[in-house]
Amino acid sequence: MTPEGREFVQTLKLAAVAVVCAVLTATVVIGAGEAFLRRSQTAESAPSLLIPATN
Protein backbone atom coordinates (compact mmCIF):
# COMPACT_ATOMS: atom_id res chain seq x y z
CA MET A 1 0.00 0.00 0.00
CA THR A 2 1.28 3.45 -0.85
CA PRO A 3 1.83 6.06 1.82
CA GLU A 4 -1.12 8.04 0.43
CA GLY A 5 -3.32 4.97 0.74
CA ARG A 6 -2.26 4.46 4.35
CA GLU A 7 -3.02 8.09 5.13
CA PHE A 8 -6.45 7.72 3.54
CA VAL A 9 -7.24 4.61 5.58
CA GLN A 10 -6.00 6.32 8.75
CA THR A 11 -8.21 9.33 7.96
CA LEU A 12 -11.24 7.07 7.53
CA LYS A 13 -10.52 5.35 10.84
CA LEU A 14 -10.22 8.67 12.65
CA ALA A 15 -13.43 9.92 11.05
CA ALA A 16 -15.25 6.77 12.18
CA VAL A 17 -13.96 7.20 15.73
CA ALA A 18 -15.09 10.85 15.70
CA VAL A 19 -18.58 9.88 14.54
CA VAL A 20 -18.90 7.18 17.20
CA CYS A 21 -17.72 9.57 19.91
CA ALA A 22 -20.16 12.26 18.76
CA VAL A 23 -23.10 9.83 18.80
CA LEU A 24 -22.18 8.49 22.23
CA THR A 25 -21.73 11.99 23.64
CA ALA A 26 -25.08 13.12 22.24
CA THR A 27 -26.77 10.03 23.67
CA VAL A 28 -25.35 10.67 27.13
CA VAL A 29 -26.21 14.38 27.09
CA ILE A 30 -29.77 13.79 25.89
CA GLY A 31 -30.28 11.00 28.41
CA ALA A 32 -28.97 13.12 31.26
CA GLY A 33 -31.15 16.04 30.21
CA GLU A 34 -34.26 13.91 30.05
CA ALA A 35 -33.51 12.38 33.45
CA PHE A 36 -32.96 15.84 34.94
CA LEU A 37 -36.19 17.20 33.47
CA ARG A 38 -38.21 14.18 34.59
CA ARG A 39 -36.85 14.48 38.11
CA SER A 40 -37.38 18.23 38.39
CA GLN A 41 -40.92 18.32 37.01
CA THR A 42 -43.95 17.17 38.93
CA ALA A 43 -47.64 17.48 38.15
CA GLU A 44 -48.06 20.43 40.54
CA SER A 45 -44.92 22.39 39.78
CA ALA A 46 -44.38 21.70 36.09
CA PRO A 47 -43.47 24.99 34.47
CA SER A 48 -45.33 25.86 31.32
CA LEU A 49 -43.04 25.92 28.30
CA LEU A 50 -45.62 27.84 26.30
CA ILE A 51 -45.89 31.59 26.45
CA PRO A 52 -49.47 32.86 26.44
CA ALA A 53 -50.30 34.92 23.37
CA THR A 54 -51.40 38.51 23.90
CA ASN A 55 -53.61 40.20 21.34
PDB file of N, CA and C in Angstrom:
ATOM      1  N   MET A   1       0.856  -1.174   0.000  1.00  0.00           N
ATOM      2  CA  MET A   1       0.000   0.000   0.000  1.00  0.00           C
ATOM      3  C   MET A   1       0.902   1.237   0.000  1.00  0.00           C
ATOM      4  N   THR A   2       0.493   2.219  -0.758  1.00  0.00           N
ATOM      5  CA  THR A   2       1.281   3.447  -0.854  1.00  0.00           C
ATOM      6  C   THR A   2       1.084   4.282   0.409  1.00  0.00           C
ATOM      7  N   PRO A   3       2.003   5.188   0.651  1.00  0.00           N
ATOM      8  CA  PRO A   3       1.835   6.064   1.822  1.00  0.00           C
ATOM      9  C   PRO A   3       0.532   6.879   1.774  1.00  0.00           C
ATOM     10  N   GLU A   4       0.140   7.290   0.557  1.00  0.00           N
ATOM     11  CA  GLU A   4      -1.119   8.041   0.435  1.00  0.00           C
ATOM     12  C   GLU A   4      -2.316   7.161   0.796  1.00  0.00           C
ATOM     13  N   GLY A   5      -2.246   5.902   0.408  1.00  0.00           N
ATOM     14  CA  GLY A   5      -3.317   4.968   0.740  1.00  0.00           C
ATOM     15  C   GLY A   5      -3.414   4.733   2.233  1.00  0.00           C
ATOM     16  N   ARG A   6      -2.261   4.636   2.890  1.00  0.00           N
ATOM     17  CA  ARG A   6      -2.260   4.460   4.350  1.00  0.00           C
ATOM     18  C   ARG A   6      -2.840   5.688   5.039  1.00  0.00           C
ATOM     19  N   GLU A   7      -2.483   6.862   4.547  1.00  0.00           N
ATOM     20  CA  GLU A   7      -3.022   8.092   5.132  1.00  0.00           C
ATOM     21  C   GLU A   7      -4.536   8.151   4.961  1.00  0.00           C
ATOM     22  N   PHE A   8      -5.020   7.719   3.796  1.00  0.00           N
ATOM     23  CA  PHE A   8      -6.455   7.725   3.544  1.00  0.00           C
ATOM     24  C   PHE A   8      -7.179   6.775   4.494  1.00  0.00           C
ATOM     25  N   VAL A   9      -6.634   5.587   4.670  1.00  0.00           N
ATOM     26  CA  VAL A   9      -7.236   4.611   5.579  1.00  0.00           C
ATOM     27  C   VAL A   9      -7.210   5.138   7.014  1.00  0.00           C
ATOM     28  N   GLN A  10      -6.102   5.750   7.403  1.00  0.00           N
ATOM     29  CA  GLN A  10      -6.002   6.322   8.747  1.00  0.00           C
ATOM     30  C   GLN A  10      -7.029   7.444   8.932  1.00  0.00           C
ATOM     31  N   THR A  11      -7.224   8.253   7.902  1.00  0.00           N
ATOM     32  CA  THR A  11      -8.212   9.330   7.963  1.00  0.00           C
ATOM     33  C   THR A  11      -9.616   8.762   8.132  1.00  0.00           C
ATOM     34  N   LEU A  12      -9.926   7.690   7.392  1.00  0.00           N
ATOM     35  CA  LEU A  12     -11.241   7.070   7.526  1.00  0.00           C
ATOM     36  C   LEU A  12     -11.446   6.494   8.922  1.00  0.00           C
ATOM     37  N   LYS A  13     -10.414   5.896   9.483  1.00  0.00           N
ATOM     38  CA  LYS A  13     -10.516   5.350  10.841  1.00  0.00           C
ATOM     39  C   LYS A  13     -10.776   6.462  11.852  1.00  0.00           C
ATOM     40  N   LEU A  14     -10.033   7.549  11.723  1.00  0.00           N
ATOM     41  CA  LEU A  14     -10.221   8.669  12.648  1.00  0.00           C
ATOM     42  C   LEU A  14     -11.604   9.291  12.502  1.00  0.00           C
ATOM     43  N   ALA A  15     -12.093   9.378  11.273  1.00  0.00           N
ATOM     44  CA  ALA A  15     -13.432   9.919  11.046  1.00  0.00           C
ATOM     45  C   ALA A  15     -14.484   9.008  11.682  1.00  0.00           C
ATOM     46  N   ALA A  16     -14.299   7.699  11.565  1.00  0.00           N
ATOM     47  CA  ALA A  16     -15.249   6.766  12.175  1.00  0.00           C
ATOM     48  C   ALA A  16     -15.231   6.890  13.690  1.00  0.00           C
ATOM     49  N   VAL A  17     -14.058   7.029  14.276  1.00  0.00           N
ATOM     50  CA  VAL A  17     -13.956   7.203  15.728  1.00  0.00           C
ATOM     51  C   VAL A  17     -14.631   8.501  16.147  1.00  0.00           C
ATOM     52  N   ALA A  18     -14.467   9.562  15.372  1.00  0.00           N
ATOM     53  CA  ALA A  18     -15.088  10.847  15.696  1.00  0.00           C
ATOM     54  C   ALA A  18     -16.610  10.746  15.651  1.00  0.00           C
ATOM     55  N   VAL A  19     -17.128  10.043  14.655  1.00  0.00           N
ATOM     56  CA  VAL A  19     -18.582   9.884  14.542  1.00  0.00           C
ATOM     57  C   VAL A  19     -19.122   9.083  15.722  1.00  0.00           C
ATOM     58  N   VAL A  20     -18.457   7.998  16.073  1.00  0.00           N
ATOM     59  CA  VAL A  20     -18.899   7.179  17.201  1.00  0.00           C
ATOM     60  C   VAL A  20     -18.863   7.989  18.492  1.00  0.00           C
ATOM     61  N   CYS A  21     -17.811   8.745  18.704  1.00  0.00           N
ATOM     62  CA  CYS A  21     -17.718   9.572  19.912  1.00  0.00           C
ATOM     63  C   CYS A  21     -18.816  10.632  19.947  1.00  0.00           C
ATOM     64  N   ALA A  22     -19.109  11.240  18.805  1.00  0.00           N
ATOM     65  CA  ALA A  22     -20.156  12.259  18.758  1.00  0.00           C
ATOM     66  C   ALA A  22     -21.519  11.651  19.076  1.00  0.00           C
ATOM     67  N   VAL A  23     -21.803  10.481  18.536  1.00  0.00           N
ATOM     68  CA  VAL A  23     -23.095   9.828  18.798  1.00  0.00           C
ATOM     69  C   VAL A  23     -23.206   9.436  20.271  1.00  0.00           C
ATOM     70  N   LEU A  24     -22.143   8.877  20.821  1.00  0.00           N
ATOM     71  CA  LEU A  24     -22.184   8.489  22.234  1.00  0.00           C
ATOM     72  C   LEU A  24     -22.330   9.703  23.138  1.00  0.00           C
ATOM     73  N   THR A  25     -21.629  10.777  22.829  1.00  0.00           N
ATOM     74  CA  THR A  25     -21.733  11.993  23.637  1.00  0.00           C
ATOM     75  C   THR A  25     -23.148  12.558  23.573  1.00  0.00           C
ATOM     76  N   ALA A  26     -23.716  12.610  22.386  1.00  0.00           N
ATOM     77  CA  ALA A  26     -25.078  13.125  22.242  1.00  0.00           C
ATOM     78  C   ALA A  26     -26.068  12.254  23.007  1.00  0.00           C
ATOM     79  N   THR A  27     -25.883  10.940  22.958  1.00  0.00           N
ATOM     80  CA  THR A  27     -26.774  10.034  23.670  1.00  0.00           C
ATOM     81  C   THR A  27     -26.708  10.271  25.175  1.00  0.00           C
ATOM     82  N   VAL A  28     -25.514  10.439  25.701  1.00  0.00           N
ATOM     83  CA  VAL A  28     -25.346  10.670  27.134  1.00  0.00           C
ATOM     84  C   VAL A  28     -25.947  12.008  27.536  1.00  0.00           C
ATOM     85  N   VAL A  29     -25.698  13.049  26.753  1.00  0.00           N
ATOM     86  CA  VAL A  29     -26.210  14.381  27.093  1.00  0.00           C
ATOM     87  C   VAL A  29     -27.736  14.407  27.038  1.00  0.00           C
ATOM     88  N   ILE A  30     -28.302  13.817  26.000  1.00  0.00           N
ATOM     89  CA  ILE A  30     -29.768  13.794  25.888  1.00  0.00           C
ATOM     90  C   ILE A  30     -30.378  12.969  27.019  1.00  0.00           C
ATOM     91  N   GLY A  31     -29.778  11.830  27.317  1.00  0.00           N
ATOM     92  CA  GLY A  31     -30.283  11.000  28.411  1.00  0.00           C
ATOM     93  C   GLY A  31     -30.210  11.706  29.747  1.00  0.00           C
ATOM     94  N   ALA A  32     -29.108  12.387  29.997  1.00  0.00           N
ATOM     95  CA  ALA A  32     -28.970  13.120  31.260  1.00  0.00           C
ATOM     96  C   ALA A  32     -29.973  14.261  31.331  1.00  0.00           C
ATOM     97  N   GLY A  33     -30.176  14.953  30.226  1.00  0.00           N
ATOM     98  CA  GLY A  33     -31.147  16.045  30.205  1.00  0.00           C
ATOM     99  C   GLY A  33     -32.559  15.564  30.462  1.00  0.00           C
ATOM    100  N   GLU A  34     -32.918  14.451  29.825  1.00  0.00           N
ATOM    101  CA  GLU A  34     -34.258  13.906  30.049  1.00  0.00           C
ATOM    102  C   GLU A  34     -34.436  13.463  31.498  1.00  0.00           C
ATOM    103  N   ALA A  35     -33.426  12.828  32.060  1.00  0.00           N
ATOM    104  CA  ALA A  35     -33.514  12.382  33.454  1.00  0.00           C
ATOM    105  C   ALA A  35     -33.640  13.582  34.381  1.00  0.00           C
ATOM    106  N   PHE A  36     -32.896  14.637  34.107  1.00  0.00           N
ATOM    107  CA  PHE A  36     -32.959  15.838  34.936  1.00  0.00           C
ATOM    108  C   PHE A  36     -34.334  16.482  34.843  1.00  0.00           C
ATOM    109  N   LEU A  37     -34.878  16.579  33.622  1.00  0.00           N
ATOM    110  CA  LEU A  37     -36.193  17.198  33.465  1.00  0.00           C
ATOM    111  C   LEU A  37     -37.282  16.365  34.110  1.00  0.00           C
ATOM    112  N   ARG A  38     -37.209  15.042  33.971  1.00  0.00           N
ATOM    113  CA  ARG A  38     -38.209  14.179  34.594  1.00  0.00           C
ATOM    114  C   ARG A  38     -38.186  14.300  36.102  1.00  0.00           C
ATOM    115  N   ARG A  39     -36.985  14.411  36.654  1.00  0.00           N
ATOM    116  CA  ARG A  39     -36.846  14.477  38.108  1.00  0.00           C
ATOM    117  C   ARG A  39     -37.317  15.827  38.639  1.00  0.00           C
ATOM    118  N   SER A  40     -37.072  16.899  37.880  1.00  0.00           N
ATOM    119  CA  SER A  40     -37.382  18.232  38.393  1.00  0.00           C
ATOM    120  C   SER A  40     -38.834  18.639  38.161  1.00  0.00           C
ATOM    121  N   GLN A  41     -39.530  17.946  37.282  1.00  0.00           N
ATOM    122  CA  GLN A  41     -40.923  18.321  37.006  1.00  0.00           C
ATOM    123  C   GLN A  41     -41.883  17.374  37.711  1.00  0.00           C
ATOM    124  N   THR A  42     -42.859  17.958  38.340  1.00  0.00           N
ATOM    125  CA  THR A  42     -43.950  17.172  38.932  1.00  0.00           C
ATOM    126  C   THR A  42     -45.259  17.721  38.384  1.00  0.00           C
ATOM    127  N   ALA A  43     -46.342  17.051  38.672  1.00  0.00           N
ATOM    128  CA  ALA A  43     -47.637  17.482  38.149  1.00  0.00           C
ATOM    129  C   ALA A  43     -48.024  18.862  38.684  1.00  0.00           C
ATOM    130  N   GLU A  44     -47.659  19.155  39.943  1.00  0.00           N
ATOM    131  CA  GLU A  44     -48.056  20.431  40.537  1.00  0.00           C
ATOM    132  C   GLU A  44     -47.126  21.578  40.140  1.00  0.00           C
ATOM    133  N   SER A  45     -45.870  21.292  39.990  1.00  0.00           N
ATOM    134  CA  SER A  45     -44.916  22.387  39.782  1.00  0.00           C
ATOM    135  C   SER A  45     -44.309  22.399  38.396  1.00  0.00           C
ATOM    136  N   ALA A  46     -44.930  21.729  37.441  1.00  0.00           N
ATOM    137  CA  ALA A  46     -44.382  21.704  36.091  1.00  0.00           C
ATOM    138  C   ALA A  46     -44.512  23.092  35.460  1.00  0.00           C
ATOM    139  N   PRO A  47     -43.393  23.672  35.099  1.00  0.00           N
ATOM    140  CA  PRO A  47     -43.469  24.991  34.472  1.00  0.00           C
ATOM    141  C   PRO A  47     -44.007  24.885  33.052  1.00  0.00           C
ATOM    142  N   SER A  48     -44.776  25.846  32.673  1.00  0.00           N
ATOM    143  CA  SER A  48     -45.328  25.860  31.323  1.00  0.00           C
ATOM    144  C   SER A  48     -44.250  26.319  30.366  1.00  0.00           C
ATOM    145  N   LEU A  49     -44.048  25.556  29.301  1.00  0.00           N
ATOM    146  CA  LEU A  49     -43.043  25.920  28.304  1.00  0.00           C
ATOM    147  C   LEU A  49     -43.648  26.820  27.227  1.00  0.00           C
ATOM    148  N   LEU A  50     -44.967  26.993  27.279  1.00  0.00           N
ATOM    149  CA  LEU A  50     -45.624  27.839  26.296  1.00  0.00           C
ATOM    150  C   LEU A  50     -45.852  29.217  26.864  1.00  0.00           C
ATOM    151  N   ILE A  51     -45.665  30.200  26.045  1.00  0.00           N
ATOM    152  CA  ILE A  51     -45.886  31.590  26.451  1.00  0.00           C
ATOM    153  C   ILE A  51     -47.282  31.984  25.969  1.00  0.00           C
ATOM    154  N   PRO A  52     -48.123  32.482  26.865  1.00  0.00           N
ATOM    155  CA  PRO A  52     -49.472  32.856  26.440  1.00  0.00           C
ATOM    156  C   PRO A  52     -49.422  33.993  25.415  1.00  0.00           C
ATOM    157  N   ALA A  53     -50.249  33.890  24.396  1.00  0.00           N
ATOM    158  CA  ALA A  53     -50.303  34.915  23.368  1.00  0.00           C
ATOM    159  C   ALA A  53     -51.104  36.101  23.861  1.00  0.00           C
ATOM    160  N   THR A  54     -50.648  37.293  23.554  1.00  0.00           N
ATOM    161  CA  THR A  54     -51.401  38.507  23.896  1.00  0.00           C
ATOM    162  C   THR A  54     -51.836  39.170  22.613  1.00  0.00           C
ATOM    163  N   ASN A  55     -53.076  39.568  22.570  1.00  0.00           N
ATOM    164  CA  ASN A  55     -53.609  40.200  21.344  1.00  0.00           C
ATOM    165  C   ASN A  55     -53.665  41.680  21.488  1.00  0.00           C
TER     166      ASN A  55
END
